[in-house]
Amino acid sequence: MNHQQTPAPDPTLRKSRKPVLLRPPRRTNPIIWCGAVFCIIFSIMLILAGIVILIIFLVIKPKHPLFDTTAASLNSIYLDSPEYFNGDFTFLANFSNPNRKIEIRFEYLDIELYFGDRLIATQALQPFTQGRGEARLESVHMLSSEVYLPLNLSMELRNQVQRNRVQYNIRGMFRVRASLGITHFTYWLYGRCQVEMTSPPSGVLVARNCKTKR
């Protein structure tokens, strides 16, 4: 009988085999754990704040403040040349907070005066707080000096003065902060008023159309 001999192991293979060392698992840095916990807590707080604000809107149904004018005077209109306008206009701005449970703060107030689509004066007002259900009157003085008017607008202004009916557009931009206890939210508010005045020097308000929107 022929016996098959098992080949001897190659000594080079023995040398190439190396023991595999298992590294112990790395421990997570405590700073990373703290950051993860903070993110989770912050996310939960955001969700809770959103739920609280949603409940306020559904239960209390807050209304935005209103911007209006109840009186105005057109003191002067003077065209220094065919296309350069000077004017003096004063109106009484009425801010009202219709909410009975929410306090309002006007943090930024900017008011612009237009004839047609041309800006002719601008005025900033000081911030103020308005209590629940309160109304506030602010006298706003708009002065125009050497404001360029295109020829078509200049001619239209002359015609309106002669007809004893001058139309201005008042535009207000306000940043409002509404507060209910420790909860508050901030938003922008835009007021628009189209006013019709008699001619200067003793021009008075004869018609107005005001709207306030977010």
N, C-alpha and C. Protein backbone atom coordinates (compact mmCIF):
# COMPACT_ATOMS: atom_id res chain seq x y z
N MET A 1 0.84 -1.19 0.00
CA MET A 1 0.00 0.00 0.00
C MET A 1 0.87 1.24 0.00
N ASN A 2 0.41 2.20 -0.75
CA ASN A 2 1.15 3.47 -0.80
C ASN A 2 0.59 4.43 0.22
N HIS A 3 1.40 4.89 1.03
CA HIS A 3 0.96 5.88 2.05
C HIS A 3 1.32 7.28 1.58
N GLN A 4 0.29 8.19 1.58
CA GLN A 4 0.53 9.59 1.20
C GLN A 4 1.10 10.35 2.38
N GLN A 5 2.14 11.01 2.16
CA GLN A 5 2.78 11.79 3.22
C GLN A 5 2.23 13.21 3.26
N THR A 6 1.95 13.69 4.45
CA THR A 6 1.48 15.08 4.62
C THR A 6 2.63 16.03 4.46
N PRO A 7 2.48 17.01 3.57
CA PRO A 7 3.60 17.95 3.35
C PRO A 7 3.92 18.71 4.62
N ALA A 8 5.18 18.94 4.83
CA ALA A 8 5.62 19.70 6.01
C ALA A 8 5.20 21.15 5.89
N PRO A 9 4.79 21.81 6.97
CA PRO A 9 4.37 23.22 6.92
C PRO A 9 5.52 24.12 6.50
N ASP A 10 5.13 25.11 5.73
CA ASP A 10 6.13 26.06 5.22
C ASP A 10 6.55 26.97 6.36
N PRO A 11 7.83 27.01 6.70
CA PRO A 11 8.27 27.88 7.82
C PRO A 11 8.05 29.35 7.56
N THR A 12 7.95 29.76 6.27
CA THR A 12 7.71 31.20 5.98
C THR A 12 6.32 31.61 6.38
N LEU A 13 5.32 30.66 6.31
CA LEU A 13 3.96 30.99 6.71
C LEU A 13 3.86 31.20 8.20
N ARG A 14 4.67 30.43 8.95
CA ARG A 14 4.66 30.61 10.39
C ARG A 14 5.13 31.99 10.78
N LYS A 15 6.11 32.47 10.03
CA LYS A 15 6.66 33.78 10.36
C LYS A 15 5.68 34.91 10.01
N SER A 16 4.83 34.69 8.91
CA SER A 16 3.94 35.77 8.47
C SER A 16 2.71 35.92 9.34
N ARG A 17 2.36 34.88 10.07
CA ARG A 17 1.17 34.96 10.92
C ARG A 17 1.50 35.67 12.22
N LYS A 18 0.72 36.70 12.49
CA LYS A 18 0.94 37.47 13.72
C LYS A 18 -0.32 37.43 14.56
N PRO A 19 -0.17 37.43 15.83
CA PRO A 19 -1.38 37.42 16.70
C PRO A 19 -2.16 38.71 16.57
N VAL A 20 -3.49 38.62 16.51
CA VAL A 20 -4.38 39.79 16.41
C VAL A 20 -4.66 40.31 17.80
N LEU A 21 -4.36 41.59 18.01
CA LEU A 21 -4.58 42.20 19.32
C LEU A 21 -5.89 42.99 19.29
N LEU A 22 -6.78 42.74 20.18
CA LEU A 22 -8.05 43.47 20.29
C LEU A 22 -7.87 44.68 21.19
N ARG A 23 -8.17 45.85 20.59
CA ARG A 23 -8.06 47.08 21.38
C ARG A 23 -9.28 47.26 22.26
N PRO A 24 -9.08 47.72 23.43
CA PRO A 24 -10.25 47.97 24.30
C PRO A 24 -11.09 49.11 23.73
N PRO A 25 -12.42 49.07 23.86
CA PRO A 25 -13.28 50.13 23.32
C PRO A 25 -12.95 51.50 23.94
N ARG A 26 -12.99 52.51 23.05
CA ARG A 26 -12.68 53.86 23.53
C ARG A 26 -13.86 54.43 24.31
N ARG A 27 -13.55 55.13 25.35
CA ARG A 27 -14.60 55.79 26.15
C ARG A 27 -14.96 57.13 25.52
N THR A 28 -16.28 57.40 25.46
CA THR A 28 -16.74 58.67 24.89
C THR A 28 -16.33 59.84 25.77
N ASN A 29 -15.88 60.88 25.11
CA ASN A 29 -15.47 62.08 25.84
C ASN A 29 -16.65 62.65 26.63
N PRO A 30 -16.47 62.95 27.91
CA PRO A 30 -17.59 63.53 28.71
C PRO A 30 -18.14 64.81 28.11
N ILE A 31 -17.30 65.57 27.42
CA ILE A 31 -17.79 66.82 26.81
C ILE A 31 -18.83 66.52 25.74
N ILE A 32 -18.60 65.44 24.96
CA ILE A 32 -19.56 65.05 23.93
C ILE A 32 -20.88 64.63 24.56
N TRP A 33 -20.80 63.86 25.68
CA TRP A 33 -22.03 63.48 26.38
C TRP A 33 -22.80 64.71 26.87
N CYS A 34 -22.07 65.66 27.44
CA CYS A 34 -22.73 66.88 27.94
C CYS A 34 -23.38 67.65 26.80
N GLY A 35 -22.68 67.72 25.66
CA GLY A 35 -23.25 68.43 24.51
C GLY A 35 -24.51 67.75 24.02
N ALA A 36 -24.51 66.42 23.98
CA ALA A 36 -25.69 65.70 23.52
C ALA A 36 -26.87 65.91 24.46
N VAL A 37 -26.61 65.86 25.76
CA VAL A 37 -27.68 66.09 26.75
C VAL A 37 -28.23 67.49 26.62
N PHE A 38 -27.33 68.47 26.43
CA PHE A 38 -27.79 69.86 26.28
C PHE A 38 -28.68 70.01 25.05
N CYS A 39 -28.28 69.39 23.93
CA CYS A 39 -29.08 69.48 22.71
C CYS A 39 -30.46 68.88 22.90
N ILE A 40 -30.51 67.75 23.62
CA ILE A 40 -31.81 67.11 23.87
C ILE A 40 -32.70 68.02 24.73
N ILE A 41 -32.12 68.57 25.80
CA ILE A 41 -32.89 69.46 26.67
C ILE A 41 -33.37 70.69 25.91
N PHE A 42 -32.48 71.27 25.09
CA PHE A 42 -32.84 72.46 24.32
C PHE A 42 -33.96 72.15 23.33
N SER A 43 -33.90 70.98 22.69
CA SER A 43 -34.95 70.59 21.75
C SER A 43 -36.29 70.44 22.47
N ILE A 44 -36.26 69.83 23.65
CA ILE A 44 -37.50 69.66 24.42
C ILE A 44 -38.08 71.02 24.81
N MET A 45 -37.20 71.95 25.20
CA MET A 45 -37.67 73.29 25.57
C MET A 45 -38.30 73.99 24.38
N LEU A 46 -37.70 73.85 23.20
CA LEU A 46 -38.27 74.47 21.99
C LEU A 46 -39.65 73.89 21.69
N ILE A 47 -39.78 72.58 21.83
CA ILE A 47 -41.07 71.95 21.57
C ILE A 47 -42.12 72.45 22.56
N LEU A 48 -41.74 72.53 23.83
CA LEU A 48 -42.69 73.01 24.85
C LEU A 48 -43.08 74.46 24.60
N ALA A 49 -42.09 75.29 24.22
CA ALA A 49 -42.40 76.69 23.93
C ALA A 49 -43.35 76.80 22.74
N GLY A 50 -43.14 75.97 21.73
CA GLY A 50 -44.06 75.97 20.59
C GLY A 50 -45.46 75.57 20.98
N ILE A 51 -45.57 74.57 21.87
CA ILE A 51 -46.89 74.15 22.32
C ILE A 51 -47.58 75.25 23.12
N VAL A 52 -46.82 75.94 23.99
CA VAL A 52 -47.40 77.04 24.78
C VAL A 52 -47.91 78.15 23.88
N ILE A 53 -47.09 78.54 22.87
CA ILE A 53 -47.51 79.61 21.95
C ILE A 53 -48.74 79.19 21.16
N LEU A 54 -48.79 77.92 20.75
CA LEU A 54 -49.96 77.42 20.01
C LEU A 54 -51.20 77.48 20.88
N ILE A 55 -51.08 77.11 22.16
CA ILE A 55 -52.22 77.17 23.07
C ILE A 55 -52.71 78.61 23.23
N ILE A 56 -51.75 79.55 23.33
CA ILE A 56 -52.11 80.96 23.46
C ILE A 56 -52.92 81.42 22.26
N PHE A 57 -52.45 81.04 21.06
CA PHE A 57 -53.15 81.47 19.85
C PHE A 57 -54.54 80.84 19.76
N LEU A 58 -54.67 79.59 20.19
CA LEU A 58 -55.95 78.91 20.07
C LEU A 58 -56.94 79.35 21.13
N VAL A 59 -56.45 79.62 22.34
CA VAL A 59 -57.34 79.96 23.44
C VAL A 59 -57.62 81.47 23.50
N ILE A 60 -56.55 82.26 23.49
CA ILE A 60 -56.70 83.71 23.66
C ILE A 60 -57.01 84.41 22.33
N LYS A 61 -56.51 83.85 21.22
CA LYS A 61 -56.68 84.44 19.90
C LYS A 61 -56.23 85.91 19.87
N PRO A 62 -54.93 86.15 20.03
CA PRO A 62 -54.44 87.53 20.08
C PRO A 62 -54.67 88.27 18.77
N LYS A 63 -54.90 89.56 18.90
CA LYS A 63 -55.09 90.43 17.74
C LYS A 63 -53.92 91.41 17.67
N HIS A 64 -53.54 91.76 16.46
CA HIS A 64 -52.43 92.70 16.32
C HIS A 64 -52.91 94.13 16.57
N PRO A 65 -52.02 95.02 17.02
CA PRO A 65 -52.40 96.42 17.25
C PRO A 65 -52.85 97.09 15.94
N LEU A 66 -53.53 98.20 16.10
CA LEU A 66 -54.07 98.93 14.95
C LEU A 66 -53.42 100.31 14.86
N PHE A 67 -53.17 100.73 13.62
CA PHE A 67 -52.59 102.04 13.34
C PHE A 67 -53.61 102.84 12.54
N ASP A 68 -53.88 104.07 13.00
CA ASP A 68 -54.90 104.90 12.37
C ASP A 68 -54.54 106.36 12.59
N THR A 69 -55.26 107.25 11.94
CA THR A 69 -55.10 108.67 12.19
C THR A 69 -56.48 109.31 12.31
N THR A 70 -56.62 110.17 13.29
CA THR A 70 -57.92 110.79 13.54
C THR A 70 -57.94 112.27 13.18
N ALA A 71 -56.77 112.86 12.98
CA ALA A 71 -56.71 114.29 12.65
C ALA A 71 -55.39 114.57 11.94
N ALA A 72 -55.40 115.58 11.09
CA ALA A 72 -54.19 115.96 10.36
C ALA A 72 -54.33 117.40 9.90
N SER A 73 -53.17 118.03 9.66
CA SER A 73 -53.17 119.41 9.16
C SER A 73 -52.07 119.55 8.11
N LEU A 74 -52.43 120.15 7.00
CA LEU A 74 -51.48 120.42 5.92
C LEU A 74 -51.14 121.90 5.98
N ASN A 75 -49.95 122.19 6.51
CA ASN A 75 -49.59 123.57 6.81
C ASN A 75 -49.02 124.32 5.61
N SER A 76 -48.27 123.64 4.77
CA SER A 76 -47.69 124.33 3.63
C SER A 76 -47.28 123.35 2.54
N ILE A 77 -47.35 123.84 1.31
CA ILE A 77 -46.80 123.16 0.13
C ILE A 77 -46.15 124.24 -0.72
N TYR A 78 -44.88 124.02 -1.02
CA TYR A 78 -44.15 125.03 -1.78
C TYR A 78 -43.22 124.33 -2.78
N LEU A 79 -43.37 124.69 -4.04
CA LEU A 79 -42.51 124.17 -5.08
C LEU A 79 -41.45 125.21 -5.39
N ASP A 80 -40.23 124.91 -4.93
CA ASP A 80 -39.12 125.84 -5.10
C ASP A 80 -38.78 126.04 -6.56
N SER A 81 -38.96 125.01 -7.34
CA SER A 81 -38.81 125.02 -8.80
C SER A 81 -39.84 124.03 -9.31
N PRO A 82 -39.96 123.87 -10.61
CA PRO A 82 -41.00 122.95 -11.09
C PRO A 82 -40.89 121.54 -10.54
N GLU A 83 -39.72 121.11 -10.04
CA GLU A 83 -39.56 119.71 -9.66
C GLU A 83 -39.04 119.52 -8.24
N TYR A 84 -38.97 120.56 -7.43
CA TYR A 84 -38.45 120.42 -6.06
C TYR A 84 -39.51 120.87 -5.07
N PHE A 85 -39.84 119.95 -4.17
CA PHE A 85 -40.99 120.10 -3.29
C PHE A 85 -40.55 120.40 -1.86
N ASN A 86 -41.27 121.32 -1.21
CA ASN A 86 -41.13 121.59 0.22
C ASN A 86 -42.52 121.52 0.85
N GLY A 87 -42.60 120.92 2.01
CA GLY A 87 -43.92 120.78 2.62
C GLY A 87 -43.85 120.62 4.13
N ASP A 88 -44.98 120.88 4.78
CA ASP A 88 -45.12 120.78 6.23
C ASP A 88 -46.46 120.12 6.51
N PHE A 89 -46.39 118.90 7.07
CA PHE A 89 -47.59 118.11 7.30
C PHE A 89 -47.53 117.50 8.69
N THR A 90 -48.62 117.59 9.44
CA THR A 90 -48.69 117.02 10.79
C THR A 90 -49.95 116.17 10.89
N PHE A 91 -49.79 114.99 11.51
CA PHE A 91 -50.99 114.16 11.72
C PHE A 91 -50.91 113.51 13.10
N LEU A 92 -52.06 113.10 13.58
CA LEU A 92 -52.16 112.47 14.89
C LEU A 92 -52.27 110.96 14.68
N ALA A 93 -51.20 110.24 15.06
CA ALA A 93 -51.18 108.79 14.91
C ALA A 93 -51.86 108.14 16.11
N ASN A 94 -52.77 107.23 15.83
CA ASN A 94 -53.52 106.54 16.87
C ASN A 94 -53.10 105.06 16.88
N PHE A 95 -52.45 104.63 17.97
CA PHE A 95 -52.06 103.23 18.15
C PHE A 95 -52.99 102.62 19.20
N SER A 96 -53.63 101.52 18.86
CA SER A 96 -54.56 100.90 19.80
C SER A 96 -54.25 99.41 19.94
N ASN A 97 -54.33 98.93 21.17
CA ASN A 97 -54.12 97.51 21.49
C ASN A 97 -55.47 96.89 21.83
N PRO A 98 -56.04 96.10 20.93
CA PRO A 98 -57.37 95.54 21.18
C PRO A 98 -57.38 94.34 22.12
N ASN A 99 -56.20 93.86 22.54
CA ASN A 99 -56.12 92.68 23.39
C ASN A 99 -56.38 93.03 24.86
N ARG A 100 -57.16 92.22 25.53
CA ARG A 100 -57.47 92.44 26.94
C ARG A 100 -56.55 91.65 27.87
N LYS A 101 -55.73 90.76 27.31
CA LYS A 101 -54.86 89.93 28.15
C LYS A 101 -53.40 90.01 27.73
N ILE A 102 -53.09 90.77 26.70
CA ILE A 102 -51.73 90.80 26.18
C ILE A 102 -51.21 92.24 26.18
N GLU A 103 -50.01 92.42 26.70
CA GLU A 103 -49.35 93.73 26.69
C GLU A 103 -48.48 93.85 25.44
N ILE A 104 -48.46 95.03 24.88
CA ILE A 104 -47.75 95.27 23.62
C ILE A 104 -46.64 96.28 23.86
N ARG A 105 -45.49 96.04 23.22
CA ARG A 105 -44.42 97.03 23.20
C ARG A 105 -43.98 97.26 21.76
N PHE A 106 -44.04 98.53 21.35
CA PHE A 106 -43.52 98.92 20.04
C PHE A 106 -42.03 99.20 20.21
N GLU A 107 -41.20 98.28 19.70
CA GLU A 107 -39.76 98.40 19.87
C GLU A 107 -39.10 99.24 18.78
N TYR A 108 -39.74 99.34 17.63
CA TYR A 108 -39.19 100.12 16.52
C TYR A 108 -40.37 100.71 15.74
N LEU A 109 -40.30 102.02 15.46
CA LEU A 109 -41.37 102.69 14.73
C LEU A 109 -40.77 103.63 13.69
N ASP A 110 -41.11 103.40 12.45
CA ASP A 110 -40.66 104.24 11.34
C ASP A 110 -41.86 104.59 10.47
N ILE A 111 -42.05 105.88 10.23
CA ILE A 111 -43.21 106.35 9.47
C ILE A 111 -42.71 107.14 8.26
N GLU A 112 -43.30 106.85 7.10
CA GLU A 112 -42.92 107.51 5.85
C GLU A 112 -44.15 108.17 5.23
N LEU A 113 -43.90 109.29 4.56
CA LEU A 113 -44.97 110.02 3.88
C LEU A 113 -44.69 110.02 2.39
N TYR A 114 -45.72 109.69 1.61
CA TYR A 114 -45.58 109.61 0.16
C TYR A 114 -46.60 110.50 -0.53
N PHE A 115 -46.16 111.08 -1.66
CA PHE A 115 -47.12 111.65 -2.60
C PHE A 115 -47.03 110.79 -3.86
N GLY A 116 -48.13 110.12 -4.19
CA GLY A 116 -48.05 109.12 -5.24
C GLY A 116 -47.14 108.00 -4.79
N ASP A 117 -46.13 107.68 -5.61
CA ASP A 117 -45.17 106.66 -5.23
C ASP A 117 -43.83 107.24 -4.81
N ARG A 118 -43.81 108.56 -4.53
CA ARG A 118 -42.55 109.25 -4.21
C ARG A 118 -42.47 109.54 -2.71
N LEU A 119 -41.39 109.09 -2.08
CA LEU A 119 -41.16 109.38 -0.66
C LEU A 119 -40.81 110.85 -0.49
N ILE A 120 -41.57 111.56 0.37
CA ILE A 120 -41.32 113.00 0.54
C ILE A 120 -40.93 113.36 1.98
N ALA A 121 -41.10 112.44 2.93
CA ALA A 121 -40.69 112.73 4.32
C ALA A 121 -40.66 111.43 5.11
N THR A 122 -39.85 111.41 6.15
CA THR A 122 -39.78 110.25 7.03
C THR A 122 -39.56 110.70 8.46
N GLN A 123 -40.04 109.89 9.40
CA GLN A 123 -39.93 110.24 10.82
C GLN A 123 -39.89 108.96 11.66
N ALA A 124 -38.99 108.94 12.64
CA ALA A 124 -38.90 107.81 13.58
C ALA A 124 -39.49 108.24 14.92
N LEU A 125 -40.19 107.31 15.57
CA LEU A 125 -40.79 107.58 16.87
C LEU A 125 -40.08 106.78 17.95
N GLN A 126 -40.14 107.27 19.18
CA GLN A 126 -39.53 106.59 20.31
C GLN A 126 -40.34 105.35 20.69
N PRO A 127 -39.67 104.26 21.08
CA PRO A 127 -40.39 103.05 21.52
C PRO A 127 -41.29 103.35 22.72
N PHE A 128 -42.34 102.58 22.84
CA PHE A 128 -43.24 102.74 23.99
C PHE A 128 -43.97 101.42 24.23
N THR A 129 -44.50 101.30 25.46
CA THR A 129 -45.26 100.11 25.87
C THR A 129 -46.74 100.47 25.95
N GLN A 130 -47.56 99.54 25.52
CA GLN A 130 -49.01 99.78 25.51
C GLN A 130 -49.69 98.66 26.29
N GLY A 131 -50.43 99.07 27.32
CA GLY A 131 -51.11 98.09 28.16
C GLY A 131 -52.29 97.44 27.47
N ARG A 132 -52.91 96.53 28.19
CA ARG A 132 -54.05 95.79 27.65
C ARG A 132 -55.22 96.72 27.38
N GLY A 133 -55.71 96.71 26.15
CA GLY A 133 -56.87 97.51 25.78
C GLY A 133 -56.63 99.00 25.71
N GLU A 134 -55.37 99.43 25.75
CA GLU A 134 -55.08 100.86 25.75
C GLU A 134 -54.95 101.42 24.34
N ALA A 135 -55.11 102.74 24.23
CA ALA A 135 -54.89 103.49 23.00
C ALA A 135 -53.90 104.61 23.29
N ARG A 136 -53.12 104.96 22.29
CA ARG A 136 -52.09 105.99 22.47
C ARG A 136 -52.08 106.90 21.24
N LEU A 137 -52.02 108.20 21.48
CA LEU A 137 -51.96 109.19 20.41
C LEU A 137 -50.57 109.81 20.35
N GLU A 138 -50.02 109.89 19.15
CA GLU A 138 -48.70 110.48 18.93
C GLU A 138 -48.80 111.52 17.82
N SER A 139 -48.33 112.73 18.10
CA SER A 139 -48.29 113.76 17.08
C SER A 139 -47.03 113.57 16.24
N VAL A 140 -47.21 113.44 14.93
CA VAL A 140 -46.10 113.17 14.02
C VAL A 140 -45.97 114.34 13.05
N HIS A 141 -44.79 114.97 13.08
CA HIS A 141 -44.53 116.15 12.25
C HIS A 141 -43.63 115.74 11.08
N MET A 142 -44.13 115.88 9.87
CA MET A 142 -43.39 115.47 8.68
C MET A 142 -42.98 116.71 7.88
N LEU A 143 -41.68 116.93 7.76
CA LEU A 143 -41.15 118.07 7.02
C LEU A 143 -40.45 117.58 5.76
N SER A 144 -40.72 118.26 4.65
CA SER A 144 -40.08 117.95 3.37
C SER A 144 -39.28 119.16 2.92
N SER A 145 -38.03 118.91 2.52
CA SER A 145 -37.17 120.01 2.10
C SER A 145 -36.42 119.63 0.82
N GLU A 146 -36.68 120.37 -0.23
CA GLU A 146 -36.00 120.17 -1.51
C GLU A 146 -36.07 118.72 -1.98
N VAL A 147 -37.27 118.16 -1.93
CA VAL A 147 -37.46 116.78 -2.38
C VAL A 147 -37.77 116.79 -3.87
N TYR A 148 -37.02 115.98 -4.60
CA TYR A 148 -37.22 115.93 -6.05
C TYR A 148 -38.52 115.21 -6.38
N LEU A 149 -39.35 115.85 -7.23
CA LEU A 149 -40.56 115.24 -7.74
C LEU A 149 -40.47 115.20 -9.27
N PRO A 150 -40.75 114.06 -9.88
CA PRO A 150 -40.83 114.02 -11.34
C PRO A 150 -41.88 115.02 -11.83
N LEU A 151 -41.72 115.45 -13.05
CA LEU A 151 -42.58 116.51 -13.58
C LEU A 151 -44.05 116.13 -13.54
N ASN A 152 -44.37 114.86 -13.83
CA ASN A 152 -45.78 114.45 -13.82
C ASN A 152 -46.38 114.54 -12.42
N LEU A 153 -45.60 114.17 -11.39
CA LEU A 153 -46.10 114.27 -10.02
C LEU A 153 -46.19 115.73 -9.58
N SER A 154 -45.25 116.54 -10.01
CA SER A 154 -45.28 117.96 -9.67
C SER A 154 -46.53 118.63 -10.25
N MET A 155 -46.86 118.29 -11.48
CA MET A 155 -48.06 118.85 -12.10
C MET A 155 -49.32 118.33 -11.41
N GLU A 156 -49.33 117.03 -11.02
CA GLU A 156 -50.47 116.47 -10.33
C GLU A 156 -50.67 117.14 -8.98
N LEU A 157 -49.58 117.42 -8.27
CA LEU A 157 -49.69 118.11 -6.98
C LEU A 157 -50.29 119.50 -7.16
N ARG A 158 -49.85 120.23 -8.16
CA ARG A 158 -50.42 121.57 -8.43
C ARG A 158 -51.92 121.47 -8.70
N ASN A 159 -52.31 120.47 -9.47
CA ASN A 159 -53.73 120.32 -9.79
C ASN A 159 -54.54 119.99 -8.54
N GLN A 160 -54.00 119.15 -7.66
CA GLN A 160 -54.73 118.80 -6.44
C GLN A 160 -54.87 120.01 -5.52
N VAL A 161 -53.83 120.82 -5.43
CA VAL A 161 -53.91 122.03 -4.61
C VAL A 161 -54.98 122.96 -5.15
N GLN A 162 -55.06 123.09 -6.47
CA GLN A 162 -56.08 123.96 -7.07
C GLN A 162 -57.49 123.40 -6.85
N ARG A 163 -57.62 122.07 -6.82
CA ARG A 163 -58.94 121.45 -6.59
C ARG A 163 -59.30 121.41 -5.11
N ASN A 164 -58.38 121.82 -4.26
CA ASN A 164 -58.60 121.82 -2.81
C ASN A 164 -58.74 120.41 -2.25
N ARG A 165 -58.04 119.45 -2.86
CA ARG A 165 -58.04 118.07 -2.40
C ARG A 165 -56.64 117.48 -2.65
N VAL A 166 -55.86 117.37 -1.60
CA VAL A 166 -54.49 116.86 -1.71
C VAL A 166 -54.46 115.49 -1.04
N GLN A 167 -53.91 114.49 -1.76
CA GLN A 167 -53.87 113.12 -1.26
C GLN A 167 -52.44 112.72 -0.92
N TYR A 168 -52.26 112.27 0.32
CA TYR A 168 -50.98 111.75 0.78
C TYR A 168 -51.17 110.28 1.19
N ASN A 169 -50.07 109.54 1.19
CA ASN A 169 -50.06 108.17 1.68
C ASN A 169 -49.08 108.07 2.85
N ILE A 170 -49.57 107.54 3.97
CA ILE A 170 -48.74 107.34 5.16
C ILE A 170 -48.46 105.85 5.29
N ARG A 171 -47.18 105.51 5.46
CA ARG A 171 -46.80 104.11 5.63
C ARG A 171 -45.97 103.96 6.91
N GLY A 172 -46.40 103.05 7.75
CA GLY A 172 -45.69 102.80 9.00
C GLY A 172 -45.15 101.37 9.05
N MET A 173 -43.95 101.23 9.57
CA MET A 173 -43.34 99.91 9.77
C MET A 173 -42.95 99.80 11.24
N PHE A 174 -43.47 98.78 11.93
CA PHE A 174 -43.30 98.68 13.37
C PHE A 174 -42.86 97.26 13.75
N ARG A 175 -41.92 97.18 14.70
CA ARG A 175 -41.58 95.89 15.31
C ARG A 175 -42.27 95.82 16.66
N VAL A 176 -43.12 94.80 16.82
CA VAL A 176 -43.99 94.70 17.99
C VAL A 176 -43.60 93.48 18.81
N ARG A 177 -43.59 93.67 20.11
CA ARG A 177 -43.33 92.56 21.05
C ARG A 177 -44.57 92.38 21.91
N ALA A 178 -45.19 91.22 21.81
CA ALA A 178 -46.40 90.91 22.58
C ALA A 178 -46.02 90.01 23.74
N SER A 179 -46.50 90.35 24.95
CA SER A 179 -46.12 89.61 26.15
C SER A 179 -47.35 89.15 26.91
N LEU A 180 -47.28 87.89 27.36
CA LEU A 180 -48.32 87.32 28.23
C LEU A 180 -47.60 86.54 29.31
N GLY A 181 -47.45 87.14 30.48
CA GLY A 181 -46.68 86.52 31.55
C GLY A 181 -45.22 86.44 31.15
N ILE A 182 -44.64 85.24 31.23
CA ILE A 182 -43.24 85.06 30.84
C ILE A 182 -43.10 84.72 29.35
N THR A 183 -44.23 84.55 28.67
CA THR A 183 -44.21 84.20 27.25
C THR A 183 -44.29 85.47 26.41
N HIS A 184 -43.50 85.53 25.35
CA HIS A 184 -43.55 86.67 24.45
C HIS A 184 -43.17 86.23 23.04
N PHE A 185 -43.61 87.00 22.08
CA PHE A 185 -43.23 86.77 20.69
C PHE A 185 -43.16 88.12 19.98
N THR A 186 -42.29 88.20 18.97
CA THR A 186 -42.03 89.45 18.26
C THR A 186 -42.37 89.28 16.79
N TYR A 187 -42.95 90.32 16.20
CA TYR A 187 -43.29 90.28 14.78
C TYR A 187 -43.30 91.70 14.22
N TRP A 188 -43.34 91.77 12.90
CA TRP A 188 -43.39 93.07 12.20
C TRP A 188 -44.83 93.39 11.83
N LEU A 189 -45.15 94.68 11.91
CA LEU A 189 -46.49 95.16 11.62
C LEU A 189 -46.39 96.33 10.63
N TYR A 190 -47.34 96.40 9.70
CA TYR A 190 -47.30 97.42 8.65
C TYR A 190 -48.63 98.16 8.60
N GLY A 191 -48.55 99.49 8.73
CA GLY A 191 -49.74 100.32 8.68
C GLY A 191 -49.77 101.16 7.42
N ARG A 192 -50.95 101.30 6.85
CA ARG A 192 -51.13 102.10 5.63
C ARG A 192 -52.34 103.01 5.80
N CYS A 193 -52.14 104.29 5.52
CA CYS A 193 -53.24 105.25 5.57
C CYS A 193 -53.19 106.14 4.31
N GLN A 194 -54.30 106.21 3.62
CA GLN A 194 -54.44 107.19 2.54
C GLN A 194 -55.32 108.31 3.06
N VAL A 195 -54.78 109.52 3.06
CA VAL A 195 -55.50 110.66 3.61
C VAL A 195 -55.75 111.69 2.52
N GLU A 196 -56.86 112.38 2.65
CA GLU A 196 -57.21 113.46 1.72
C GLU A 196 -57.40 114.74 2.52
N MET A 197 -56.64 115.77 2.12
CA MET A 197 -56.61 117.03 2.85
C MET A 197 -57.13 118.17 1.98
N THR A 198 -57.63 119.21 2.66
CA THR A 198 -57.87 120.45 1.93
C THR A 198 -56.53 121.17 1.75
N SER A 199 -56.51 122.15 0.89
CA SER A 199 -55.24 122.79 0.54
C SER A 199 -54.70 123.66 1.69
N PRO A 200 -53.38 123.82 1.73
CA PRO A 200 -52.77 124.68 2.76
C PRO A 200 -53.09 126.15 2.47
N PRO A 201 -52.90 127.05 3.44
CA PRO A 201 -52.14 126.84 4.69
C PRO A 201 -52.96 126.28 5.85
N SER A 202 -54.24 126.09 5.67
CA SER A 202 -55.07 125.58 6.77
C SER A 202 -55.76 124.28 6.34
N GLY A 203 -54.97 123.40 5.72
CA GLY A 203 -55.54 122.15 5.25
C GLY A 203 -55.94 121.23 6.38
N VAL A 204 -57.12 120.65 6.28
CA VAL A 204 -57.63 119.74 7.32
C VAL A 204 -57.99 118.41 6.67
N LEU A 205 -58.08 117.40 7.52
CA LEU A 205 -58.41 116.06 7.06
C LEU A 205 -59.89 115.96 6.71
N VAL A 206 -60.17 115.50 5.48
CA VAL A 206 -61.57 115.35 5.06
C VAL A 206 -61.93 113.88 4.78
N ALA A 207 -60.92 113.03 4.56
CA ALA A 207 -61.20 111.61 4.32
C ALA A 207 -59.94 110.80 4.62
N ARG A 208 -60.13 109.55 5.02
CA ARG A 208 -58.99 108.69 5.30
C ARG A 208 -59.40 107.23 5.09
N ASN A 209 -58.44 106.40 4.81
CA ASN A 209 -58.63 104.95 4.68
C ASN A 209 -57.38 104.28 5.23
N CYS A 210 -57.50 103.64 6.39
CA CYS A 210 -56.34 103.06 7.08
C CYS A 210 -56.50 101.55 7.23
N LYS A 211 -55.37 100.83 7.05
CA LYS A 211 -55.33 99.40 7.23
C LYS A 211 -54.04 99.02 7.96
N THR A 212 -54.12 97.98 8.78
CA THR A 212 -52.96 97.46 9.48
C THR A 212 -52.88 95.97 9.23
N LYS A 213 -51.71 95.49 8.85
CA LYS A 213 -51.55 94.06 8.58
C LYS A 213 -50.15 93.60 8.97
N ARG A 214 -50.02 92.29 9.13
CA ARG A 214 -48.72 91.69 9.46
C ARG A 214 -48.02 91.25 8.18
